[in-house]
Amino acid sequence: SKDPNQASNKQSPVFCTQRLQVRQWRASDEPSLLDVYGDREVVRWVDDGEPLSAEEAARWMTVTRANYARYGYGMYAIEDLTGARVLGFGGLVLPNEQVDAEVKYAFLPEVWRQGLATEFVRGLVRHGRDVHRLTRIIATVAQPNLPSQNVLRKCGFRYSHTRDEEDGGATVVLVWEP
């Protein structure tokens, strides 16, 4: 049977995997968004490495709704199959009007090292290919973030190039093409 919260929101999953259901964000996700992106360990490789503030979370919710309307995709909540618990967030984004959709994801540290990121990214790539007819998807990863690079490689992404960042760091760009 369906989760009652899901039924009341009249929202079915965007896609499911063996252990996950992935759905669009709803207003009630803001505390979960802060649980994930407010964790210093999670955001170590995200943007400036600073935890998300409540104001930034609210702004991100608005941007994500606009992306659904404009592109048909964006960031999603990643739940266990029952829909009882948000485990992370991820999706396809187009930052700064870039041409290629880009994979983003983050999970609660307590569910790391269980293969959920790989499972999610494989499902996301299939969804992007089959539903949105994407023929090229990129991912950007901080050069020292080898676990994330390994996840992406397992999902068919290949190294493209490394770009130097203004802060002195380096970002690895990976590409998926069928």
N, C-alpha and C. Protein backbone atom coordinates (compact mmCIF):
# COMPACT_ATOMS: atom_id res chain seq x y z
N SER A 1 0.84 -1.19 0.00
CA SER A 1 0.00 0.00 0.00
C SER A 1 0.88 1.24 0.00
N LYS A 2 0.34 2.32 -0.49
CA LYS A 2 1.08 3.58 -0.61
C LYS A 2 1.23 4.26 0.74
N ASP A 3 2.29 5.00 0.88
CA ASP A 3 2.49 5.82 2.06
C ASP A 3 1.40 6.89 2.10
N PRO A 4 0.74 7.11 3.25
CA PRO A 4 -0.35 8.08 3.30
C PRO A 4 0.08 9.50 2.97
N ASN A 5 1.31 9.87 3.33
CA ASN A 5 1.78 11.21 2.97
C ASN A 5 1.88 11.37 1.47
N GLN A 6 2.34 10.32 0.81
CA GLN A 6 2.47 10.37 -0.64
C GLN A 6 1.09 10.48 -1.27
N ALA A 7 0.13 9.70 -0.77
CA ALA A 7 -1.22 9.73 -1.33
C ALA A 7 -1.82 11.12 -1.17
N SER A 8 -1.61 11.73 0.00
CA SER A 8 -2.21 13.05 0.23
C SER A 8 -1.57 14.10 -0.67
N ASN A 9 -0.34 13.87 -1.10
CA ASN A 9 0.32 14.80 -2.00
C ASN A 9 0.06 14.45 -3.46
N LYS A 10 -0.68 13.38 -3.71
CA LYS A 10 -1.00 12.92 -5.07
C LYS A 10 0.27 12.91 -5.93
N GLN A 11 1.30 12.31 -5.38
CA GLN A 11 2.59 12.33 -6.05
C GLN A 11 3.15 10.93 -6.13
N SER A 12 3.35 10.46 -7.33
CA SER A 12 3.94 9.14 -7.49
C SER A 12 5.44 9.31 -7.72
N PRO A 13 6.21 8.26 -7.47
CA PRO A 13 7.66 8.39 -7.68
C PRO A 13 8.00 8.72 -9.13
N VAL A 14 9.08 9.45 -9.31
CA VAL A 14 9.61 9.74 -10.64
C VAL A 14 10.20 8.46 -11.21
N PHE A 15 10.91 7.71 -10.36
CA PHE A 15 11.38 6.37 -10.71
C PHE A 15 11.73 5.63 -9.43
N CYS A 16 11.81 4.32 -9.54
CA CYS A 16 12.20 3.47 -8.41
C CYS A 16 13.37 2.60 -8.83
N THR A 17 14.14 2.19 -7.85
CA THR A 17 15.21 1.22 -8.07
C THR A 17 14.90 0.04 -7.13
N GLN A 18 15.83 -0.86 -7.00
CA GLN A 18 15.61 -2.02 -6.15
C GLN A 18 15.30 -1.63 -4.71
N ARG A 19 15.99 -0.59 -4.19
CA ARG A 19 15.82 -0.21 -2.78
C ARG A 19 15.34 1.21 -2.56
N LEU A 20 15.15 1.96 -3.63
CA LEU A 20 14.85 3.38 -3.49
C LEU A 20 13.64 3.80 -4.31
N GLN A 21 12.94 4.83 -3.80
CA GLN A 21 11.99 5.54 -4.65
C GLN A 21 12.40 7.00 -4.67
N VAL A 22 12.29 7.60 -5.84
CA VAL A 22 12.78 8.94 -6.09
C VAL A 22 11.59 9.78 -6.52
N ARG A 23 11.40 10.92 -5.85
CA ARG A 23 10.23 11.76 -6.13
C ARG A 23 10.60 13.23 -6.12
N GLN A 24 9.69 14.04 -6.68
CA GLN A 24 9.90 15.48 -6.64
C GLN A 24 9.84 15.98 -5.20
N TRP A 25 10.48 17.12 -4.98
CA TRP A 25 10.48 17.73 -3.65
C TRP A 25 9.10 18.25 -3.31
N ARG A 26 8.79 18.24 -2.02
CA ARG A 26 7.60 18.90 -1.51
C ARG A 26 8.01 19.77 -0.33
N ALA A 27 7.17 20.69 0.05
CA ALA A 27 7.51 21.66 1.10
C ALA A 27 7.97 20.97 2.39
N SER A 28 7.41 19.83 2.69
CA SER A 28 7.76 19.12 3.93
C SER A 28 9.17 18.53 3.90
N ASP A 29 9.87 18.63 2.77
CA ASP A 29 11.24 18.10 2.67
C ASP A 29 12.29 19.05 3.22
N GLU A 30 11.92 20.28 3.52
CA GLU A 30 12.93 21.25 3.94
C GLU A 30 13.74 20.78 5.16
N PRO A 31 13.13 20.22 6.22
CA PRO A 31 13.94 19.73 7.34
C PRO A 31 14.91 18.60 6.91
N SER A 32 14.47 17.71 6.04
CA SER A 32 15.35 16.64 5.56
C SER A 32 16.49 17.21 4.71
N LEU A 33 16.19 18.25 3.94
CA LEU A 33 17.21 18.91 3.13
C LEU A 33 18.30 19.47 4.05
N LEU A 34 17.87 20.06 5.16
CA LEU A 34 18.84 20.60 6.13
C LEU A 34 19.59 19.48 6.85
N ASP A 35 18.92 18.34 7.10
CA ASP A 35 19.61 17.20 7.72
C ASP A 35 20.76 16.73 6.84
N VAL A 36 20.53 16.66 5.54
CA VAL A 36 21.56 16.18 4.61
C VAL A 36 22.60 17.27 4.35
N TYR A 37 22.17 18.39 3.79
CA TYR A 37 23.11 19.43 3.37
C TYR A 37 23.55 20.35 4.51
N GLY A 38 23.02 20.14 5.71
CA GLY A 38 23.49 20.86 6.88
C GLY A 38 24.57 20.10 7.62
N ASP A 39 24.89 18.91 7.15
CA ASP A 39 25.90 18.05 7.77
C ASP A 39 27.27 18.38 7.16
N ARG A 40 28.19 18.80 8.02
CA ARG A 40 29.51 19.24 7.55
C ARG A 40 30.25 18.13 6.79
N GLU A 41 30.07 16.89 7.19
CA GLU A 41 30.74 15.76 6.51
C GLU A 41 30.16 15.58 5.10
N VAL A 42 28.86 15.76 4.96
CA VAL A 42 28.21 15.61 3.65
C VAL A 42 28.66 16.71 2.70
N VAL A 43 28.71 17.94 3.18
CA VAL A 43 28.98 19.08 2.29
C VAL A 43 30.47 19.38 2.11
N ARG A 44 31.31 18.52 2.65
CA ARG A 44 32.75 18.74 2.53
C ARG A 44 33.15 19.00 1.07
N TRP A 45 32.52 18.31 0.11
CA TRP A 45 32.87 18.44 -1.31
C TRP A 45 31.85 19.27 -2.09
N VAL A 46 30.89 19.89 -1.41
CA VAL A 46 29.83 20.64 -2.10
C VAL A 46 30.14 22.13 -2.03
N ASP A 47 30.15 22.78 -3.19
CA ASP A 47 30.39 24.22 -3.28
C ASP A 47 31.52 24.66 -2.37
N ASP A 48 31.22 25.55 -1.40
CA ASP A 48 32.27 26.09 -0.53
C ASP A 48 32.50 25.22 0.71
N GLY A 49 31.80 24.08 0.80
CA GLY A 49 32.00 23.19 1.93
C GLY A 49 31.27 23.61 3.19
N GLU A 50 30.47 24.66 3.09
CA GLU A 50 29.73 25.15 4.25
C GLU A 50 28.33 24.55 4.28
N PRO A 51 27.85 24.15 5.47
CA PRO A 51 26.49 23.60 5.58
C PRO A 51 25.44 24.60 5.08
N LEU A 52 24.36 24.05 4.55
CA LEU A 52 23.25 24.83 4.02
C LEU A 52 22.50 25.53 5.17
N SER A 53 22.16 26.78 4.98
CA SER A 53 21.35 27.51 5.96
C SER A 53 19.87 27.32 5.63
N ALA A 54 19.01 27.64 6.57
CA ALA A 54 17.56 27.55 6.35
C ALA A 54 17.13 28.44 5.19
N GLU A 55 17.73 29.63 5.10
CA GLU A 55 17.39 30.56 4.00
C GLU A 55 17.80 29.98 2.65
N GLU A 56 19.00 29.37 2.61
CA GLU A 56 19.46 28.76 1.36
C GLU A 56 18.59 27.56 0.98
N ALA A 57 18.16 26.79 1.97
CA ALA A 57 17.28 25.64 1.71
C ALA A 57 15.96 26.11 1.11
N ALA A 58 15.39 27.17 1.66
CA ALA A 58 14.12 27.70 1.14
C ALA A 58 14.29 28.18 -0.29
N ARG A 59 15.40 28.86 -0.56
CA ARG A 59 15.67 29.35 -1.92
C ARG A 59 15.85 28.18 -2.89
N TRP A 60 16.54 27.11 -2.44
CA TRP A 60 16.78 25.94 -3.26
C TRP A 60 15.46 25.24 -3.59
N MET A 61 14.54 25.22 -2.64
CA MET A 61 13.23 24.62 -2.89
C MET A 61 12.53 25.36 -4.04
N THR A 62 12.62 26.69 -4.03
CA THR A 62 11.99 27.50 -5.08
C THR A 62 12.65 27.26 -6.43
N VAL A 63 13.97 27.23 -6.46
CA VAL A 63 14.71 26.98 -7.71
C VAL A 63 14.35 25.60 -8.26
N THR A 64 14.25 24.62 -7.38
CA THR A 64 13.95 23.25 -7.82
C THR A 64 12.56 23.17 -8.44
N ARG A 65 11.58 23.82 -7.84
CA ARG A 65 10.22 23.84 -8.44
C ARG A 65 10.25 24.49 -9.82
N ALA A 66 11.02 25.56 -9.96
CA ALA A 66 11.15 26.24 -11.25
C ALA A 66 11.81 25.32 -12.28
N ASN A 67 12.80 24.52 -11.85
CA ASN A 67 13.46 23.59 -12.77
C ASN A 67 12.49 22.51 -13.25
N TYR A 68 11.63 22.00 -12.37
CA TYR A 68 10.62 21.01 -12.81
C TYR A 68 9.76 21.62 -13.91
N ALA A 69 9.35 22.87 -13.71
CA ALA A 69 8.48 23.52 -14.70
C ALA A 69 9.23 23.79 -16.00
N ARG A 70 10.47 24.22 -15.90
CA ARG A 70 11.22 24.61 -17.10
C ARG A 70 11.78 23.43 -17.87
N TYR A 71 12.35 22.44 -17.15
CA TYR A 71 13.06 21.34 -17.83
C TYR A 71 12.36 19.99 -17.72
N GLY A 72 11.44 19.87 -16.76
CA GLY A 72 10.80 18.58 -16.52
C GLY A 72 11.57 17.72 -15.54
N TYR A 73 12.71 18.21 -15.09
CA TYR A 73 13.51 17.49 -14.10
C TYR A 73 14.24 18.49 -13.22
N GLY A 74 14.88 17.97 -12.20
CA GLY A 74 15.63 18.81 -11.26
C GLY A 74 16.15 17.91 -10.16
N MET A 75 16.24 18.44 -8.96
CA MET A 75 16.65 17.65 -7.80
C MET A 75 15.44 16.89 -7.28
N TYR A 76 15.69 15.72 -6.69
CA TYR A 76 14.63 14.87 -6.16
C TYR A 76 14.96 14.43 -4.74
N ALA A 77 13.92 14.05 -4.02
CA ALA A 77 14.10 13.40 -2.73
C ALA A 77 14.31 11.91 -3.00
N ILE A 78 15.26 11.32 -2.31
CA ILE A 78 15.56 9.89 -2.45
C ILE A 78 15.11 9.22 -1.16
N GLU A 79 14.12 8.35 -1.26
CA GLU A 79 13.54 7.71 -0.09
C GLU A 79 13.77 6.21 -0.13
N ASP A 80 13.59 5.56 1.04
CA ASP A 80 13.53 4.11 1.03
C ASP A 80 12.25 3.73 0.27
N LEU A 81 12.12 2.48 -0.07
CA LEU A 81 10.99 2.05 -0.92
C LEU A 81 9.62 2.28 -0.28
N THR A 82 9.56 2.33 1.04
CA THR A 82 8.26 2.55 1.70
C THR A 82 7.86 4.02 1.64
N GLY A 83 8.81 4.89 1.35
CA GLY A 83 8.53 6.32 1.37
C GLY A 83 8.51 6.88 2.78
N ALA A 84 8.94 6.07 3.74
CA ALA A 84 8.88 6.48 5.14
C ALA A 84 10.03 7.41 5.54
N ARG A 85 11.12 7.39 4.78
CA ARG A 85 12.30 8.13 5.21
C ARG A 85 13.09 8.66 4.02
N VAL A 86 13.44 9.94 4.07
CA VAL A 86 14.32 10.53 3.07
C VAL A 86 15.76 10.18 3.45
N LEU A 87 16.46 9.54 2.51
CA LEU A 87 17.84 9.11 2.73
C LEU A 87 18.85 10.08 2.12
N GLY A 88 18.37 10.87 1.16
CA GLY A 88 19.25 11.82 0.50
C GLY A 88 18.50 12.59 -0.56
N PHE A 89 19.26 13.33 -1.34
CA PHE A 89 18.71 14.13 -2.43
C PHE A 89 19.63 14.01 -3.62
N GLY A 90 19.06 14.08 -4.81
CA GLY A 90 19.88 14.02 -6.00
C GLY A 90 19.03 14.29 -7.22
N GLY A 91 19.68 14.51 -8.32
CA GLY A 91 18.93 14.74 -9.55
C GLY A 91 19.81 15.25 -10.65
N LEU A 92 19.15 15.84 -11.62
CA LEU A 92 19.80 16.43 -12.79
C LEU A 92 19.57 17.93 -12.74
N VAL A 93 20.62 18.70 -12.87
CA VAL A 93 20.52 20.15 -12.81
C VAL A 93 21.26 20.77 -13.99
N LEU A 94 20.95 22.02 -14.24
CA LEU A 94 21.63 22.79 -15.30
C LEU A 94 22.12 24.11 -14.69
N PRO A 95 23.18 24.07 -13.89
CA PRO A 95 23.64 25.30 -13.24
C PRO A 95 24.16 26.31 -14.25
N ASN A 96 23.86 27.55 -13.97
CA ASN A 96 24.36 28.66 -14.80
C ASN A 96 24.07 28.46 -16.29
N GLU A 97 22.88 27.91 -16.59
CA GLU A 97 22.44 27.77 -17.99
C GLU A 97 23.37 26.88 -18.82
N GLN A 98 24.12 25.98 -18.17
CA GLN A 98 25.00 25.11 -18.96
C GLN A 98 24.17 24.21 -19.87
N VAL A 99 24.80 23.72 -20.92
CA VAL A 99 24.11 22.93 -21.94
C VAL A 99 23.77 21.52 -21.46
N ASP A 100 24.72 20.87 -20.79
CA ASP A 100 24.55 19.47 -20.40
C ASP A 100 23.95 19.34 -19.01
N ALA A 101 22.97 18.45 -18.88
CA ALA A 101 22.43 18.12 -17.56
C ALA A 101 23.55 17.53 -16.72
N GLU A 102 23.54 17.86 -15.43
CA GLU A 102 24.60 17.43 -14.53
C GLU A 102 24.02 16.66 -13.35
N VAL A 103 24.63 15.54 -13.04
CA VAL A 103 24.22 14.71 -11.90
C VAL A 103 24.71 15.34 -10.60
N LYS A 104 23.82 15.42 -9.62
CA LYS A 104 24.17 15.83 -8.25
C LYS A 104 23.51 14.84 -7.30
N TYR A 105 24.18 14.54 -6.20
CA TYR A 105 23.55 13.69 -5.18
C TYR A 105 24.29 13.83 -3.86
N ALA A 106 23.56 13.59 -2.78
CA ALA A 106 24.14 13.53 -1.44
C ALA A 106 23.22 12.69 -0.57
N PHE A 107 23.81 11.88 0.28
CA PHE A 107 23.06 10.99 1.18
C PHE A 107 23.47 11.26 2.62
N LEU A 108 22.58 10.90 3.55
CA LEU A 108 22.91 10.93 4.97
C LEU A 108 24.12 10.02 5.21
N PRO A 109 25.10 10.45 6.01
CA PRO A 109 26.29 9.62 6.25
C PRO A 109 25.96 8.22 6.76
N GLU A 110 24.89 8.07 7.51
CA GLU A 110 24.57 6.75 8.07
C GLU A 110 24.20 5.72 7.01
N VAL A 111 23.92 6.15 5.77
CA VAL A 111 23.60 5.18 4.72
C VAL A 111 24.71 5.09 3.66
N TRP A 112 25.86 5.73 3.93
CA TRP A 112 26.99 5.63 3.02
C TRP A 112 27.52 4.20 3.00
N ARG A 113 28.22 3.87 1.94
CA ARG A 113 28.89 2.57 1.77
C ARG A 113 27.92 1.39 1.71
N GLN A 114 26.71 1.63 1.21
CA GLN A 114 25.73 0.56 1.02
C GLN A 114 25.36 0.39 -0.45
N GLY A 115 26.03 1.14 -1.33
CA GLY A 115 25.73 1.05 -2.76
C GLY A 115 24.53 1.86 -3.20
N LEU A 116 23.97 2.69 -2.30
CA LEU A 116 22.77 3.45 -2.66
C LEU A 116 23.06 4.54 -3.69
N ALA A 117 24.22 5.18 -3.59
CA ALA A 117 24.55 6.22 -4.57
C ALA A 117 24.67 5.62 -5.97
N THR A 118 25.33 4.48 -6.08
CA THR A 118 25.45 3.83 -7.39
C THR A 118 24.08 3.43 -7.92
N GLU A 119 23.26 2.88 -7.06
CA GLU A 119 21.91 2.48 -7.46
C GLU A 119 21.10 3.69 -7.92
N PHE A 120 21.19 4.79 -7.17
CA PHE A 120 20.48 6.01 -7.54
C PHE A 120 20.96 6.56 -8.88
N VAL A 121 22.28 6.70 -9.04
CA VAL A 121 22.82 7.30 -10.27
C VAL A 121 22.46 6.45 -11.48
N ARG A 122 22.54 5.12 -11.36
CA ARG A 122 22.14 4.27 -12.49
C ARG A 122 20.68 4.52 -12.87
N GLY A 123 19.81 4.60 -11.86
CA GLY A 123 18.39 4.87 -12.12
C GLY A 123 18.18 6.25 -12.72
N LEU A 124 18.92 7.22 -12.22
CA LEU A 124 18.80 8.60 -12.71
C LEU A 124 19.23 8.71 -14.17
N VAL A 125 20.33 8.05 -14.52
CA VAL A 125 20.81 8.08 -15.90
C VAL A 125 19.78 7.41 -16.83
N ARG A 126 19.25 6.27 -16.40
CA ARG A 126 18.20 5.60 -17.20
C ARG A 126 17.00 6.53 -17.39
N HIS A 127 16.58 7.18 -16.31
CA HIS A 127 15.45 8.11 -16.37
C HIS A 127 15.76 9.27 -17.33
N GLY A 128 16.95 9.85 -17.21
CA GLY A 128 17.32 10.96 -18.08
C GLY A 128 17.35 10.55 -19.55
N ARG A 129 17.86 9.34 -19.80
CA ARG A 129 17.93 8.83 -21.18
C ARG A 129 16.54 8.50 -21.72
N ASP A 130 15.78 7.72 -20.95
CA ASP A 130 14.51 7.18 -21.44
C ASP A 130 13.37 8.19 -21.44
N VAL A 131 13.31 9.04 -20.42
CA VAL A 131 12.18 9.97 -20.30
C VAL A 131 12.50 11.33 -20.92
N HIS A 132 13.71 11.82 -20.69
CA HIS A 132 14.05 13.17 -21.16
C HIS A 132 14.94 13.15 -22.41
N ARG A 133 15.22 11.95 -22.92
CA ARG A 133 15.99 11.78 -24.15
C ARG A 133 17.36 12.45 -24.10
N LEU A 134 17.97 12.45 -22.92
CA LEU A 134 19.30 13.03 -22.78
C LEU A 134 20.32 12.07 -23.39
N THR A 135 21.24 12.61 -24.16
CA THR A 135 22.28 11.79 -24.79
C THR A 135 23.66 12.10 -24.23
N ARG A 136 23.71 13.04 -23.30
CA ARG A 136 24.97 13.39 -22.66
C ARG A 136 24.63 13.97 -21.28
N ILE A 137 25.25 13.40 -20.26
CA ILE A 137 25.07 13.87 -18.89
C ILE A 137 26.47 14.01 -18.30
N ILE A 138 26.70 15.09 -17.58
CA ILE A 138 28.02 15.27 -16.98
C ILE A 138 27.92 15.15 -15.46
N ALA A 139 29.06 15.04 -14.83
CA ALA A 139 29.17 15.10 -13.38
C ALA A 139 30.46 15.84 -13.07
N THR A 140 30.43 16.66 -12.04
CA THR A 140 31.62 17.36 -11.59
C THR A 140 31.90 16.94 -10.15
N VAL A 141 33.15 16.59 -9.88
CA VAL A 141 33.51 16.05 -8.58
C VAL A 141 34.84 16.66 -8.15
N ALA A 142 34.91 17.08 -6.89
CA ALA A 142 36.19 17.56 -6.36
C ALA A 142 37.24 16.48 -6.57
N GLN A 143 38.41 16.86 -7.03
CA GLN A 143 39.46 15.89 -7.37
C GLN A 143 39.76 14.90 -6.24
N PRO A 144 39.79 15.34 -4.97
CA PRO A 144 40.10 14.37 -3.91
C PRO A 144 38.93 13.43 -3.56
N ASN A 145 37.74 13.68 -4.08
CA ASN A 145 36.55 12.89 -3.72
C ASN A 145 36.51 11.61 -4.56
N LEU A 146 37.40 10.68 -4.24
CA LEU A 146 37.50 9.43 -5.01
C LEU A 146 36.27 8.54 -4.87
N PRO A 147 35.62 8.45 -3.70
CA PRO A 147 34.41 7.61 -3.63
C PRO A 147 33.34 8.03 -4.64
N SER A 148 33.11 9.33 -4.80
CA SER A 148 32.11 9.78 -5.75
C SER A 148 32.55 9.52 -7.19
N GLN A 149 33.83 9.71 -7.47
CA GLN A 149 34.33 9.40 -8.82
C GLN A 149 34.13 7.92 -9.12
N ASN A 150 34.36 7.06 -8.13
CA ASN A 150 34.17 5.62 -8.33
C ASN A 150 32.71 5.28 -8.59
N VAL A 151 31.79 5.91 -7.86
CA VAL A 151 30.35 5.70 -8.09
C VAL A 151 30.02 6.02 -9.55
N LEU A 152 30.46 7.16 -10.01
CA LEU A 152 30.13 7.61 -11.36
C LEU A 152 30.73 6.69 -12.42
N ARG A 153 31.95 6.24 -12.21
CA ARG A 153 32.57 5.31 -13.17
C ARG A 153 31.80 4.00 -13.24
N LYS A 154 31.33 3.51 -12.09
CA LYS A 154 30.52 2.28 -12.09
C LYS A 154 29.23 2.46 -12.88
N CYS A 155 28.77 3.72 -13.00
CA CYS A 155 27.52 4.02 -13.69
C CYS A 155 27.74 4.40 -15.15
N GLY A 156 28.95 4.20 -15.66
CA GLY A 156 29.20 4.43 -17.07
C GLY A 156 29.78 5.79 -17.42
N PHE A 157 30.10 6.60 -16.42
CA PHE A 157 30.71 7.90 -16.69
C PHE A 157 32.19 7.70 -16.96
N ARG A 158 32.73 8.50 -17.87
CA ARG A 158 34.14 8.43 -18.23
C ARG A 158 34.79 9.79 -17.97
N TYR A 159 36.06 9.75 -17.62
CA TYR A 159 36.82 10.98 -17.39
C TYR A 159 36.83 11.83 -18.64
N SER A 160 36.58 13.14 -18.49
CA SER A 160 36.66 14.08 -19.59
C SER A 160 37.88 14.99 -19.41
N HIS A 161 37.90 15.72 -18.31
CA HIS A 161 39.03 16.62 -18.05
C HIS A 161 38.98 17.08 -16.59
N THR A 162 40.05 17.74 -16.19
CA THR A 162 40.13 18.34 -14.85
C THR A 162 40.25 19.84 -15.04
N ARG A 163 39.45 20.58 -14.27
CA ARG A 163 39.54 22.04 -14.37
C ARG A 163 40.01 22.61 -13.03
N ASP A 164 40.85 23.63 -13.11
CA ASP A 164 41.34 24.31 -11.91
C ASP A 164 40.27 25.29 -11.45
N GLU A 165 40.10 25.37 -10.13
CA GLU A 165 39.10 26.28 -9.56
C GLU A 165 39.78 27.50 -8.96
N GLU A 166 39.02 28.58 -8.81
CA GLU A 166 39.56 29.83 -8.28
C GLU A 166 40.14 29.67 -6.88
N ASP A 167 39.58 28.73 -6.10
CA ASP A 167 40.04 28.54 -4.72
C ASP A 167 41.31 27.68 -4.63
N GLY A 168 41.86 27.29 -5.78
CA GLY A 168 43.08 26.48 -5.80
C GLY A 168 42.81 24.99 -5.91
N GLY A 169 41.56 24.58 -5.75
CA GLY A 169 41.21 23.17 -5.88
C GLY A 169 41.05 22.79 -7.35
N ALA A 170 40.75 21.53 -7.56
CA ALA A 170 40.55 21.02 -8.92
C ALA A 170 39.28 20.19 -8.95
N THR A 171 38.56 20.29 -10.06
CA THR A 171 37.31 19.56 -10.26
C THR A 171 37.48 18.61 -11.44
N VAL A 172 37.12 17.35 -11.21
CA VAL A 172 37.15 16.34 -12.27
C VAL A 172 35.78 16.36 -12.96
N VAL A 173 35.79 16.44 -14.28
CA VAL A 173 34.56 16.41 -15.06
C VAL A 173 34.46 15.04 -15.72
N LEU A 174 33.34 14.36 -15.47
CA LEU A 174 33.08 13.05 -16.06
C LEU A 174 31.86 13.16 -16.96
N VAL A 175 31.81 12.32 -17.98
CA VAL A 175 30.74 12.38 -18.98
C VAL A 175 30.14 11.01 -19.18
N TRP A 176 28.79 10.98 -19.27
CA TRP A 176 28.07 9.77 -19.67
C TRP A 176 27.46 10.04 -21.03
N GLU A 177 27.71 9.15 -21.96
CA GLU A 177 27.09 9.18 -23.29
C GLU A 177 26.77 7.73 -23.64
N PRO A 178 25.54 7.46 -24.14
CA PRO A 178 25.19 6.07 -24.43
C PRO A 178 26.05 5.46 -25.53
